PDB file of N, CA and C in Angstrom:
ATOM      1  N   MET A   1       5.415 -19.399 -33.525  1.00  0.00           N
ATOM      2  CA  MET A   1       6.686 -19.567 -33.032  1.00  0.00           C
ATOM      3  C   MET A   1       6.756 -18.825 -31.676  1.00  0.00           C
ATOM      4  N   LEU A   2       7.387 -19.177 -30.750  1.00  0.00           N
ATOM      5  CA  LEU A   2       7.522 -18.245 -29.518  1.00  0.00           C
ATOM      6  C   LEU A   2       8.572 -17.218 -29.599  1.00  0.00           C
ATOM      7  N   ALA A   3       8.676 -16.245 -29.187  1.00  0.00           N
ATOM      8  CA  ALA A   3       9.710 -15.226 -29.290  1.00  0.00           C
ATOM      9  C   ALA A   3      10.494 -15.396 -28.258  1.00  0.00           C
ATOM     10  N   LEU A   4      11.773 -15.244 -28.552  1.00  0.00           N
ATOM     11  CA  LEU A   4      13.061 -15.267 -27.629  1.00  0.00           C
ATOM     12  C   LEU A   4      13.638 -14.143 -27.348  1.00  0.00           C
ATOM     13  N   THR A   5      13.591 -13.653 -26.215  1.00  0.00           N
ATOM     14  CA  THR A   5      14.377 -12.434 -25.771  1.00  0.00           C
ATOM     15  C   THR A   5      15.541 -12.954 -24.882  1.00  0.00           C
ATOM     16  N   ALA A   6      16.670 -12.085 -24.756  1.00  0.00           N
ATOM     17  CA  ALA A   6      17.831 -12.226 -24.028  1.00  0.00           C
ATOM     18  C   ALA A   6      17.194 -11.803 -22.571  1.00  0.00           C
ATOM     19  N   ILE A   7      18.026 -12.309 -21.529  1.00  0.00           N
ATOM     20  CA  ILE A   7      17.854 -12.525 -20.049  1.00  0.00           C
ATOM     21  C   ILE A   7      18.875 -11.619 -19.510  1.00  0.00           C
ATOM     22  N   PRO A   8      19.157 -10.431 -19.730  1.00  0.00           N
ATOM     23  CA  PRO A   8      20.261  -9.557 -19.328  1.00  0.00           C
ATOM     24  C   PRO A   8      19.824  -9.243 -17.718  1.00  0.00           C
ATOM     25  N   ASN A   9      18.742  -9.208 -17.431  1.00  0.00           N
ATOM     26  CA  ASN A   9      18.400  -8.562 -16.052  1.00  0.00           C
ATOM     27  C   ASN A   9      17.653 -10.168 -15.341  1.00  0.00           C
ATOM     28  N   ILE A  10      17.955 -10.294 -14.581  1.00  0.00           N
ATOM     29  CA  ILE A  10      17.481 -11.614 -13.919  1.00  0.00           C
ATOM     30  C   ILE A  10      16.232 -11.160 -13.183  1.00  0.00           C
ATOM     31  N   GLU A  11      14.974 -11.964 -13.422  1.00  0.00           N
ATOM     32  CA  GLU A  11      13.958 -11.373 -12.910  1.00  0.00           C
ATOM     33  C   GLU A  11      13.312 -12.813 -12.120  1.00  0.00           C
ATOM     34  N   LEU A  12      12.961 -12.543 -11.037  1.00  0.00           N
ATOM     35  CA  LEU A  12      12.471 -13.738 -10.158  1.00  0.00           C
ATOM     36  C   LEU A  12      10.875 -14.192 -10.706  1.00  0.00           C
ATOM     37  N   PRO A  13      10.792 -15.146 -10.875  1.00  0.00           N
ATOM     38  CA  PRO A  13       8.958 -15.438 -11.235  1.00  0.00           C
ATOM     39  C   PRO A  13       8.000 -15.118 -10.042  1.00  0.00           C
ATOM     40  N   ALA A  14       6.859 -14.304 -10.092  1.00  0.00           N
ATOM     41  CA  ALA A  14       5.931 -14.239  -9.202  1.00  0.00           C
ATOM     42  C   ALA A  14       5.252 -15.799  -8.859  1.00  0.00           C
ATOM     43  N   TYR A  15       4.918 -15.694  -7.676  1.00  0.00           N
ATOM     44  CA  TYR A  15       4.152 -17.067  -6.999  1.00  0.00           C
ATOM     45  C   TYR A  15       3.339 -17.414  -8.192  1.00  0.00           C
ATOM     46  N   GLY A  16       3.532 -18.726  -8.774  1.00  0.00           N
ATOM     47  CA  GLY A  16       2.469 -19.280  -9.591  1.00  0.00           C
ATOM     48  C   GLY A  16       2.991 -19.096 -11.075  1.00  0.00           C
ATOM     49  N   GLU A  17       3.906 -18.243 -11.343  1.00  0.00           N
ATOM     50  CA  GLU A  17       4.310 -18.017 -12.756  1.00  0.00           C
ATOM     51  C   GLU A  17       5.510 -18.752 -13.003  1.00  0.00           C
ATOM     52  N   ILE A  18       5.220 -19.337 -14.244  1.00  0.00           N
ATOM     53  CA  ILE A  18       6.118 -20.393 -14.810  1.00  0.00           C
ATOM     54  C   ILE A  18       7.443 -19.688 -15.848  1.00  0.00           C
ATOM     55  N   LEU A  19       8.443 -19.229 -15.512  1.00  0.00           N
ATOM     56  CA  LEU A  19       9.481 -18.745 -16.015  1.00  0.00           C
ATOM     57  C   LEU A  19      10.370 -19.775 -16.967  1.00  0.00           C
ATOM     58  N   GLU A  20      10.287 -19.840 -18.233  1.00  0.00           N
ATOM     59  CA  GLU A  20      10.821 -20.855 -19.236  1.00  0.00           C
ATOM     60  C   GLU A  20      11.801 -20.162 -20.024  1.00  0.00           C
ATOM     61  N   LEU A  21      13.170 -20.841 -20.090  1.00  0.00           N
ATOM     62  CA  LEU A  21      14.416 -20.044 -20.801  1.00  0.00           C
ATOM     63  C   LEU A  21      14.581 -21.392 -21.716  1.00  0.00           C
ATOM     64  N   TRP A  22      15.149 -21.008 -23.164  1.00  0.00           N
ATOM     65  CA  TRP A  22      15.652 -21.951 -24.078  1.00  0.00           C
ATOM     66  C   TRP A  22      16.890 -21.327 -24.502  1.00  0.00           C
ATOM     67  N   ALA A  23      17.843 -22.304 -24.763  1.00  0.00           N
ATOM     68  CA  ALA A  23      19.479 -22.248 -25.090  1.00  0.00           C
ATOM     69  C   ALA A  23      19.301 -22.995 -26.566  1.00  0.00           C
ATOM     70  N   VAL A  24      19.311 -22.344 -27.781  1.00  0.00           N
ATOM     71  CA  VAL A  24      19.100 -22.790 -29.035  1.00  0.00           C
ATOM     72  C   VAL A  24      20.345 -22.500 -29.889  1.00  0.00           C
ATOM     73  N   ASP A  25      20.840 -23.642 -30.624  1.00  0.00           N
ATOM     74  CA  ASP A  25      22.166 -23.555 -31.715  1.00  0.00           C
ATOM     75  C   ASP A  25      21.982 -24.344 -32.422  1.00  0.00           C
ATOM     76  N   PRO A  26      21.050 -24.421 -33.594  1.00  0.00           N
ATOM     77  CA  PRO A  26      21.110 -25.399 -34.769  1.00  0.00           C
ATOM     78  C   PRO A  26      22.470 -25.979 -35.193  1.00  0.00           C
ATOM     79  N   SER A  27      23.474 -25.408 -35.382  1.00  0.00           N
ATOM     80  CA  SER A  27      24.707 -25.454 -35.970  1.00  0.00           C
ATOM     81  C   SER A  27      25.332 -26.428 -35.161  1.00  0.00           C
ATOM     82  N   ARG A  28      25.258 -26.576 -33.564  1.00  0.00           N
ATOM     83  CA  ARG A  28      25.940 -27.530 -32.851  1.00  0.00           C
ATOM     84  C   ARG A  28      25.074 -28.308 -32.259  1.00  0.00           C
ATOM     85  N   ASN A  29      23.686 -28.586 -32.628  1.00  0.00           N
ATOM     86  CA  ASN A  29      22.871 -29.541 -32.147  1.00  0.00           C
ATOM     87  C   ASN A  29      22.381 -29.198 -30.506  1.00  0.00           C
ATOM     88  N   ILE A  30      22.313 -27.943 -30.558  1.00  0.00           N
ATOM     89  CA  ILE A  30      22.182 -27.550 -28.910  1.00  0.00           C
ATOM     90  C   ILE A  30      20.552 -27.156 -28.733  1.00  0.00           C
ATOM     91  N   SER A  31      19.736 -27.663 -27.949  1.00  0.00           N
ATOM     92  CA  SER A  31      18.563 -27.397 -27.812  1.00  0.00           C
ATOM     93  C   SER A  31      17.947 -27.706 -26.508  1.00  0.00           C
ATOM     94  N   ARG A  32      18.109 -26.902 -25.930  1.00  0.00           N
ATOM     95  CA  ARG A  32      17.972 -27.207 -24.194  1.00  0.00           C
ATOM     96  C   ARG A  32      16.745 -26.121 -23.850  1.00  0.00           C
ATOM     97  N   THR A  33      16.051 -26.566 -22.970  1.00  0.00           N
ATOM     98  CA  THR A  33      15.051 -25.831 -22.270  1.00  0.00           C
ATOM     99  C   THR A  33      15.238 -25.872 -20.569  1.00  0.00           C
ATOM    100  N   TRP A  34      14.877 -24.928 -20.136  1.00  0.00           N
ATOM    101  CA  TRP A  34      14.936 -24.734 -18.672  1.00  0.00           C
ATOM    102  C   TRP A  34      13.641 -23.940 -18.020  1.00  0.00           C
ATOM    103  N   ARG A  35      12.923 -24.443 -17.031  1.00  0.00           N
ATOM    104  CA  ARG A  35      11.982 -23.794 -16.413  1.00  0.00           C
ATOM    105  C   ARG A  35      11.898 -23.907 -14.981  1.00  0.00           C
ATOM    106  N   ILE A  36      11.180 -22.894 -14.476  1.00  0.00           N
ATOM    107  CA  ILE A  36      11.169 -22.676 -12.996  1.00  0.00           C
ATOM    108  C   ILE A  36       9.586 -22.043 -12.543  1.00  0.00           C
ATOM    109  N   CYS A  37       9.226 -22.473 -11.652  1.00  0.00           N
ATOM    110  CA  CYS A  37       8.011 -22.203 -10.918  1.00  0.00           C
ATOM    111  C   CYS A  37       8.437 -22.104  -9.390  1.00  0.00           C
ATOM    112  N   LYS A  38       7.626 -20.939  -8.989  1.00  0.00           N
ATOM    113  CA  LYS A  38       7.772 -20.846  -7.376  1.00  0.00           C
ATOM    114  C   LYS A  38       6.086 -20.755  -6.793  1.00  0.00           C
ATOM    115  N   ARG A  39       6.012 -21.580  -5.792  1.00  0.00           N
ATOM    116  CA  ARG A  39       4.347 -21.427  -5.586  1.00  0.00           C
ATOM    117  C   ARG A  39       4.354 -21.644  -3.728  1.00  0.00           C
ATOM    118  N   ARG A  40       3.107 -21.728  -3.402  1.00  0.00           N
ATOM    119  CA  ARG A  40       2.662 -21.958  -2.159  1.00  0.00           C
ATOM    120  C   ARG A  40       2.150 -23.146  -2.060  1.00  0.00           C
ATOM    121  N   ASP A  41       2.297 -24.300  -1.186  1.00  0.00           N
ATOM    122  CA  ASP A  41       1.587 -25.274  -1.102  1.00  0.00           C
ATOM    123  C   ASP A  41       0.318 -25.239  -0.033  1.00  0.00           C
ATOM    124  N   LEU A  42      -0.302 -26.247   0.356  1.00  0.00           N
ATOM    125  CA  LEU A  42      -1.518 -25.962   1.329  1.00  0.00           C
ATOM    126  C   LEU A  42      -1.018 -25.869   2.784  1.00  0.00           C
ATOM    127  N   PHE A  43       0.078 -26.108   3.209  1.00  0.00           N
ATOM    128  CA  PHE A  43       0.714 -25.967   4.361  1.00  0.00           C
ATOM    129  C   PHE A  43       1.255 -24.597   4.318  1.00  0.00           C
ATOM    130  N   GLY A  44       1.428 -23.632   3.778  1.00  0.00           N
ATOM    131  CA  GLY A  44       2.107 -22.351   3.536  1.00  0.00           C
ATOM    132  C   GLY A  44       3.557 -22.207   3.299  1.00  0.00           C
ATOM    133  N   TRP A  45       4.165 -23.358   3.048  1.00  0.00           N
ATOM    134  CA  TRP A  45       5.345 -23.544   2.611  1.00  0.00           C
ATOM    135  C   TRP A  45       5.612 -22.887   1.087  1.00  0.00           C
ATOM    136  N   THR A  46       6.704 -22.610   0.833  1.00  0.00           N
ATOM    137  CA  THR A  46       7.046 -22.146  -0.490  1.00  0.00           C
ATOM    138  C   THR A  46       7.613 -23.213  -1.301  1.00  0.00           C
ATOM    139  N   VAL A  47       7.287 -23.578  -2.226  1.00  0.00           N
ATOM    140  CA  VAL A  47       7.650 -24.810  -3.044  1.00  0.00           C
ATOM    141  C   VAL A  47       8.432 -24.242  -4.453  1.00  0.00           C
ATOM    142  N   VAL A  48       9.710 -24.764  -4.524  1.00  0.00           N
ATOM    143  CA  VAL A  48      10.339 -24.168  -5.818  1.00  0.00           C
ATOM    144  C   VAL A  48      10.332 -25.754  -6.667  1.00  0.00           C
ATOM    145  N   GLU A  49       9.998 -25.376  -7.955  1.00  0.00           N
ATOM    146  CA  GLU A  49      10.029 -26.295  -8.790  1.00  0.00           C
ATOM    147  C   GLU A  49      10.714 -26.371  -9.991  1.00  0.00           C
ATOM    148  N   TRP A  50      11.906 -26.813 -10.445  1.00  0.00           N
ATOM    149  CA  TRP A  50      12.435 -26.384 -11.666  1.00  0.00           C
ATOM    150  C   TRP A  50      12.801 -27.756 -12.664  1.00  0.00           C
ATOM    151  N   GLY A  51      13.024 -27.676 -13.664  1.00  0.00           N
ATOM    152  CA  GLY A  51      12.875 -28.529 -14.765  1.00  0.00           C
ATOM    153  C   GLY A  51      14.054 -28.309 -15.949  1.00  0.00           C
ATOM    154  N   TRP A  52      14.580 -29.312 -16.471  1.00  0.00           N
ATOM    155  CA  TRP A  52      15.418 -29.201 -17.653  1.00  0.00           C
ATOM    156  C   TRP A  52      15.483 -30.207 -18.602  1.00  0.00           C
ATOM    157  N   GLY A  53      16.080 -29.913 -19.614  1.00  0.00           N
ATOM    158  CA  GLY A  53      16.248 -31.155 -20.371  1.00  0.00           C
ATOM    159  C   GLY A  53      16.169 -30.439 -22.231  1.00  0.00           C
ATOM    160  N   ARG A  54      16.161 -31.281 -22.781  1.00  0.00           N
ATOM    161  CA  ARG A  54      16.227 -31.089 -24.451  1.00  0.00           C
ATOM    162  C   ARG A  54      14.540 -30.757 -24.753  1.00  0.00           C
ATOM    163  N   ILE A  55      14.837 -29.681 -25.792  1.00  0.00           N
ATOM    164  CA  ILE A  55      13.330 -29.098 -26.092  1.00  0.00           C
ATOM    165  C   ILE A  55      12.542 -30.289 -26.739  1.00  0.00           C
ATOM    166  N   GLY A  56      11.213 -30.344 -26.350  1.00  0.00           N
ATOM    167  CA  GLY A  56      10.327 -31.409 -26.948  1.00  0.00           C
ATOM    168  C   GLY A  56      10.377 -32.936 -26.132  1.00  0.00           C
ATOM    169  N   SER A  57      11.272 -32.892 -25.249  1.00  0.00           N
ATOM    170  CA  SER A  57      11.502 -34.135 -24.270  1.00  0.00           C
ATOM    171  C   SER A  57      10.898 -34.218 -23.053  1.00  0.00           C
ATOM    172  N   ARG A  58      10.749 -35.117 -22.333  1.00  0.00           N
ATOM    173  CA  ARG A  58       9.892 -34.969 -20.994  1.00  0.00           C
ATOM    174  C   ARG A  58      11.003 -34.382 -20.093  1.00  0.00           C
ATOM    175  N   GLY A  59      12.425 -34.375 -20.111  1.00  0.00           N
ATOM    176  CA  GLY A  59      13.172 -33.992 -19.329  1.00  0.00           C
ATOM    177  C   GLY A  59      13.226 -34.464 -17.846  1.00  0.00           C
ATOM    178  N   GLN A  60      14.135 -33.639 -17.152  1.00  0.00           N
ATOM    179  CA  GLN A  60      14.225 -34.190 -15.327  1.00  0.00           C
ATOM    180  C   GLN A  60      13.436 -32.878 -14.686  1.00  0.00           C
ATOM    181  N   SER A  61      13.311 -33.153 -13.555  1.00  0.00           N
ATOM    182  CA  SER A  61      12.834 -32.011 -12.601  1.00  0.00           C
ATOM    183  C   SER A  61      13.165 -32.350 -11.245  1.00  0.00           C
ATOM    184  N   ARG A  62      13.131 -31.251 -10.417  1.00  0.00           N
ATOM    185  CA  ARG A  62      13.408 -31.223  -9.000  1.00  0.00           C
ATOM    186  C   ARG A  62      12.414 -30.398  -8.257  1.00  0.00           C
ATOM    187  N   THR A  63      12.178 -30.854  -7.080  1.00  0.00           N
ATOM    188  CA  THR A  63      10.976 -29.906  -6.165  1.00  0.00           C
ATOM    189  C   THR A  63      11.836 -29.879  -4.932  1.00  0.00           C
ATOM    190  N   VAL A  64      11.794 -28.449  -4.210  1.00  0.00           N
ATOM    191  CA  VAL A  64      12.221 -28.415  -2.989  1.00  0.00           C
ATOM    192  C   VAL A  64      11.191 -27.257  -2.335  1.00  0.00           C
ATOM    193  N   ALA A  65      10.902 -27.702  -1.086  1.00  0.00           N
ATOM    194  CA  ALA A  65      10.146 -26.894  -0.127  1.00  0.00           C
ATOM    195  C   ALA A  65      10.747 -26.230   0.996  1.00  0.00           C
ATOM    196  N   PHE A  66      10.230 -25.152   1.161  1.00  0.00           N
ATOM    197  CA  PHE A  66      10.923 -23.995   2.135  1.00  0.00           C
ATOM    198  C   PHE A  66       9.837 -23.505   3.347  1.00  0.00           C
ATOM    199  N   GLU A  67      10.322 -23.583   4.476  1.00  0.00           N
ATOM    200  CA  GLU A  67       9.207 -23.101   5.540  1.00  0.00           C
ATOM    201  C   GLU A  67       9.588 -21.644   5.498  1.00  0.00           C
ATOM    202  N   GLN A  68      10.423 -20.994   5.261  1.00  0.00           N
ATOM    203  CA  GLN A  68      11.034 -19.835   5.010  1.00  0.00           C
ATOM    204  C   GLN A  68      10.934 -19.008   3.528  1.00  0.00           C
ATOM    205  N   PRO A  69      10.233 -18.201   3.205  1.00  0.00           N
ATOM    206  CA  PRO A  69      10.217 -18.085   1.834  1.00  0.00           C
ATOM    207  C   PRO A  69      11.568 -17.169   1.264  1.00  0.00           C
ATOM    208  N   GLU A  70      12.220 -16.628   2.287  1.00  0.00           N
ATOM    209  CA  GLU A  70      13.413 -16.031   1.733  1.00  0.00           C
ATOM    210  C   GLU A  70      14.526 -17.272   1.447  1.00  0.00           C
ATOM    211  N   LYS A  71      14.378 -18.224   1.677  1.00  0.00           N
ATOM    212  CA  LYS A  71      15.440 -19.423   1.336  1.00  0.00           C
ATOM    213  C   LYS A  71      15.004 -19.893  -0.056  1.00  0.00           C
ATOM    214  N   ALA A  72      13.731 -19.897  -0.193  1.00  0.00           N
ATOM    215  CA  ALA A  72      13.188 -20.252  -1.817  1.00  0.00           C
ATOM    216  C   ALA A  72      13.478 -19.029  -2.544  1.00  0.00           C
ATOM    217  N   VAL A  73      13.527 -17.845  -2.227  1.00  0.00           N
ATOM    218  CA  VAL A  73      14.266 -16.851  -3.170  1.00  0.00           C
ATOM    219  C   VAL A  73      15.498 -16.933  -3.312  1.00  0.00           C
ATOM    220  N   ALA A  74      16.159 -17.390  -2.266  1.00  0.00           N
ATOM    221  CA  ALA A  74      17.790 -17.378  -2.604  1.00  0.00           C
ATOM    222  C   ALA A  74      18.160 -18.546  -3.626  1.00  0.00           C
ATOM    223  N   LEU A  75      17.304 -19.630  -3.340  1.00  0.00           N
ATOM    224  CA  LEU A  75      17.455 -20.542  -4.449  1.00  0.00           C
ATOM    225  C   LEU A  75      17.265 -20.272  -5.899  1.00  0.00           C
ATOM    226  N   VAL A  76      16.243 -19.640  -5.732  1.00  0.00           N
ATOM    227  CA  VAL A  76      15.699 -19.341  -7.313  1.00  0.00           C
ATOM    228  C   VAL A  76      16.607 -18.331  -7.900  1.00  0.00           C
ATOM    229  N   ARG A  77      17.391 -17.378  -7.238  1.00  0.00           N
ATOM    230  CA  ARG A  77      18.371 -16.570  -7.423  1.00  0.00           C
ATOM    231  C   ARG A  77      19.689 -17.147  -7.923  1.00  0.00           C
ATOM    232  N   ARG A  78      20.046 -17.907  -7.144  1.00  0.00           N
ATOM    233  CA  ARG A  78      21.426 -18.957  -7.642  1.00  0.00           C
ATOM    234  C   ARG A  78      21.066 -19.801  -8.742  1.00  0.00           C
ATOM    235  N   LEU A  79      19.809 -20.207  -8.875  1.00  0.00           N
ATOM    236  CA  LEU A  79      19.391 -21.207 -10.297  1.00  0.00           C
ATOM    237  C   LEU A  79      19.521 -20.068 -11.498  1.00  0.00           C
ATOM    238  N   LEU A  80      18.965 -19.126 -11.405  1.00  0.00           N
ATOM    239  CA  LEU A  80      18.645 -18.065 -12.434  1.00  0.00           C
ATOM    240  C   LEU A  80      20.298 -17.599 -12.804  1.00  0.00           C
ATOM    241  N   LEU A  81      21.246 -17.336 -11.846  1.00  0.00           N
ATOM    242  CA  LEU A  81      22.342 -16.609 -12.012  1.00  0.00           C
ATOM    243  C   LEU A  81      23.094 -17.965 -12.750  1.00  0.00           C
ATOM    244  N   ARG A  82      23.076 -19.092 -12.493  1.00  0.00           N
ATOM    245  CA  ARG A  82      23.850 -20.123 -13.310  1.00  0.00           C
ATOM    246  C   ARG A  82      23.165 -20.325 -14.649  1.00  0.00           C
ATOM    247  N   ARG A  83      21.782 -19.969 -15.069  1.00  0.00           N
ATOM    248  CA  ARG A  83      21.443 -20.056 -16.364  1.00  0.00           C
ATOM    249  C   ARG A  83      22.081 -18.533 -16.959  1.00  0.00           C
ATOM    250  N   ALA A  84      22.112 -17.401 -16.425  1.00  0.00           N
ATOM    251  CA  ALA A  84      22.870 -16.207 -16.952  1.00  0.00           C
ATOM    252  C   ALA A  84      24.306 -16.491 -17.294  1.00  0.00           C
ATOM    253  N   ASN A  85      24.950 -17.257 -16.949  1.00  0.00           N
ATOM    254  CA  ASN A  85      26.241 -17.858 -17.114  1.00  0.00           C
ATOM    255  C   ASN A  85      26.443 -18.694 -18.207  1.00  0.00           C
ATOM    256  N   ALA A  86      25.406 -19.476 -18.784  1.00  0.00           N
ATOM    257  CA  ALA A  86      25.214 -20.442 -19.568  1.00  0.00           C
ATOM    258  C   ALA A  86      26.233 -20.237 -20.790  1.00  0.00           C
ATOM    259  N   GLU A  87      26.282 -18.873 -21.432  1.00  0.00           N
ATOM    260  CA  GLU A  87      26.882 -18.567 -22.717  1.00  0.00           C
ATOM    261  C   GLU A  87      28.237 -18.793 -22.370  1.00  0.00           C
ATOM    262  N   ARG A  88      28.769 -18.583 -21.198  1.00  0.00           N
ATOM    263  CA  ARG A  88      30.581 -18.862 -20.872  1.00  0.00           C
ATOM    264  C   ARG A  88      30.613 -20.232 -20.852  1.00  0.00           C
ATOM    265  N   ARG A  89      29.698 -21.157 -20.265  1.00  0.00           N
ATOM    266  CA  ARG A  89      29.709 -22.689 -19.914  1.00  0.00           C
ATOM    267  C   ARG A  89      29.612 -23.462 -21.249  1.00  0.00           C
ATOM    268  N   ILE A  90      28.281 -23.086 -21.854  1.00  0.00           N
ATOM    269  CA  ILE A  90      27.996 -23.969 -22.943  1.00  0.00           C
ATOM    270  C   ILE A  90      27.978 -23.366 -24.368  1.00  0.00           C
ATOM    271  N   GLY A  91      28.510 -21.831 -24.634  1.00  0.00           N
ATOM    272  CA  GLY A  91      28.419 -21.506 -25.766  1.00  0.00           C
ATOM    273  C   GLY A  91      27.336 -20.917 -26.254  1.00  0.00           C
ATOM    274  N   VAL A  92      26.117 -20.822 -25.453  1.00  0.00           N
ATOM    275  CA  VAL A  92      24.883 -20.319 -26.067  1.00  0.00           C
ATOM    276  C   VAL A  92      24.317 -20.058 -24.852  1.00  0.00           C
ATOM    277  N   ALA A  93      23.739 -18.585 -24.983  1.00  0.00           N
ATOM    278  CA  ALA A  93      23.025 -18.032 -24.072  1.00  0.00           C
ATOM    279  C   ALA A  93      21.542 -18.497 -23.871  1.00  0.00           C
ATOM    280  N   TYR A  94      20.858 -18.639 -22.813  1.00  0.00           N
ATOM    281  CA  TYR A  94      19.488 -19.013 -22.439  1.00  0.00           C
ATOM    282  C   TYR A  94      18.667 -17.718 -22.830  1.00  0.00           C
ATOM    283  N   ARG A  95      17.576 -17.766 -23.411  1.00  0.00           N
ATOM    284  CA  ARG A  95      16.762 -16.536 -23.387  1.00  0.00           C
ATOM    285  C   ARG A  95      15.397 -17.035 -23.365  1.00  0.00           C
ATOM    286  N   ARG A  96      14.502 -16.066 -22.653  1.00  0.00           N
ATOM    287  CA  ARG A  96      13.122 -16.022 -22.096  1.00  0.00           C
ATOM    288  C   ARG A  96      12.417 -16.570 -23.252  1.00  0.00           C
ATOM    289  N   CYS A  97      11.701 -17.267 -23.061  1.00  0.00           N
ATOM    290  CA  CYS A  97      10.415 -18.039 -24.163  1.00  0.00           C
ATOM    291  C   CYS A  97       9.134 -17.358 -23.804  1.00  0.00           C
ATOM    292  N   ASP A  98       8.791 -16.235 -24.504  1.00  0.00           N
ATOM    293  CA  ASP A  98       7.646 -15.632 -24.118  1.00  0.00           C
ATOM    294  C   ASP A  98       6.525 -15.911 -25.207  1.00  0.00           C
TER     295      ASP A  98
END
């Protein structure tokens, strides 16, 4: 079983690292996963790919490429801030899946 730890401090994933978060509450049938990866493509652009869905399902994903790495970092920060506020929105906090 994977250990779940709270994400009080928002950490940006390093290039090529996949950050995976889970929100689980069996009593309310909530079982969500969210993952993000930041990498460089062959042309030197920074690519941010994130996906979401129910744990165990294929889910959905989105990919965005940026010429300036600062814009990619800003997007990653915005997305992680949204995950950090999940407890207020859906009643279950996302936890880092290690």
